[in-house]
Protein backbone atom coordinates (compact mmCIF):
# COMPACT_ATOMS: atom_id res chain seq x y z
CA UNK A 1 13.95 -90.19 174.32
CA UNK A 2 11.87 -88.30 171.78
CA UNK A 3 13.26 -86.39 168.84
CA UNK A 4 13.20 -82.59 169.15
CA UNK A 5 10.94 -82.45 166.11
CA UNK A 6 8.42 -84.74 167.76
CA UNK A 7 8.42 -82.53 170.86
CA UNK A 8 7.75 -79.56 168.59
CA UNK A 9 4.86 -81.42 166.97
CA UNK A 10 3.42 -82.34 170.37
CA UNK A 11 3.58 -78.68 171.45
CA UNK A 12 1.83 -77.60 168.23
CA UNK A 13 -0.85 -80.27 168.79
CA UNK A 14 -1.42 -79.17 172.37
CA UNK A 15 -1.62 -75.53 171.27
CA UNK A 16 -4.25 -76.55 168.73
CA UNK A 17 -6.32 -78.10 171.52
CA UNK A 18 -6.09 -74.76 173.35
CA UNK A 19 -7.29 -72.98 170.20
CA UNK A 20 -10.24 -75.40 170.03
CA UNK A 21 -11.10 -74.52 173.65
CA UNK A 22 -10.89 -70.82 172.80
CA UNK A 23 -13.28 -71.38 169.92
CA UNK A 24 -15.69 -73.20 172.21
CA UNK A 25 -15.63 -70.30 174.68
CA UNK A 26 -16.05 -67.72 171.90
CA UNK A 27 -19.09 -69.60 170.62
CA UNK A 28 -20.91 -68.89 173.90
CA UNK A 29 -20.90 -65.14 173.27
CA UNK A 30 -22.88 -63.26 170.62
CA UNK A 31 -21.01 -62.19 167.51
CA UNK A 32 -20.46 -58.43 167.21
CA UNK A 33 -18.52 -57.22 164.13
CA UNK A 34 -17.46 -54.05 165.95
CA UNK A 35 -15.93 -55.98 168.87
CA UNK A 36 -12.20 -55.49 169.47
CA UNK A 37 -11.93 -59.30 169.69
CA UNK A 38 -13.27 -59.75 166.16
CA UNK A 39 -9.78 -60.23 164.58
CA UNK A 40 -8.96 -62.88 167.19
CA UNK A 41 -12.29 -64.57 166.53
CA UNK A 42 -11.62 -64.64 162.78
CA UNK A 43 -8.18 -66.22 163.24
CA UNK A 44 -9.51 -68.82 165.69
CA UNK A 45 -12.41 -69.72 163.40
CA UNK A 46 -10.07 -69.94 160.38
CA UNK A 47 -7.72 -72.29 162.24
CA UNK A 48 -10.40 -74.57 163.66
CA UNK A 49 -13.07 -74.80 160.99
CA UNK A 50 -11.18 -77.31 158.77
CA UNK A 51 -11.09 -79.76 161.70
CA UNK A 52 -14.56 -79.09 163.09
CA UNK A 53 -16.50 -79.14 159.79
CA UNK A 54 -16.14 -82.90 159.18
CA UNK A 55 -17.21 -83.65 162.76
CA UNK A 56 -20.27 -81.42 162.36
CA UNK A 57 -21.29 -83.30 159.21
CA UNK A 58 -21.16 -86.61 161.13
CA UNK A 59 -22.39 -85.57 164.59
CA UNK A 60 -25.66 -83.63 164.76
CA UNK A 61 -26.11 -81.07 167.53
CA UNK A 62 -28.06 -82.14 170.60
CA UNK A 63 -30.65 -79.41 170.95
CA UNK A 64 -28.60 -76.20 170.85
CA UNK A 65 -25.41 -77.92 172.03
CA UNK A 66 -22.74 -78.70 169.45
CA UNK A 67 -20.75 -81.66 170.77
CA UNK A 68 -18.46 -81.75 167.73
CA UNK A 69 -16.04 -79.61 169.78
CA UNK A 70 -15.77 -82.30 172.41
CA UNK A 71 -15.24 -85.07 169.87
CA UNK A 72 -12.67 -83.01 167.94
CA UNK A 73 -10.73 -82.21 171.11
CA UNK A 74 -10.68 -85.88 172.10
CA UNK A 75 -9.55 -86.99 168.63
CA UNK A 76 -6.83 -84.33 168.37
CA UNK A 77 -5.60 -85.11 171.89
CA UNK A 78 -5.50 -88.84 171.12
CA UNK A 79 -3.60 -88.15 167.90
CA UNK A 80 -1.06 -86.00 169.75
CA UNK A 81 -0.53 -88.51 172.55
CA UNK A 82 -0.66 -91.75 170.54
CA UNK A 83 1.02 -90.71 167.30
CA UNK A 84 3.07 -87.53 167.64
CA UNK A 85 4.49 -88.30 171.08
CA UNK A 86 5.75 -91.70 169.90
CA UNK A 87 7.83 -90.53 166.97
CA UNK A 88 11.21 -92.20 167.55
CA UNK A 89 14.55 -90.41 167.66
């Protein structure tokens, strides 16, 4: 049985993966400062940039495709499943 705090941490980790997916989807659309989604975009970019920046420094884009998203999602998901989900009671 997992501790309630570890379940909370797993939920937060999974929500972060969702935020990374949202950032990936937002990156496909052109940036428009007058868009009603601009505040959402700013929050998503603020939450994800600290994790994505180190991956971007290590992994160069392939053409116009930034695969740092994919690597970051895999690393965060592995961390959630291998570390946070195994916190004992």
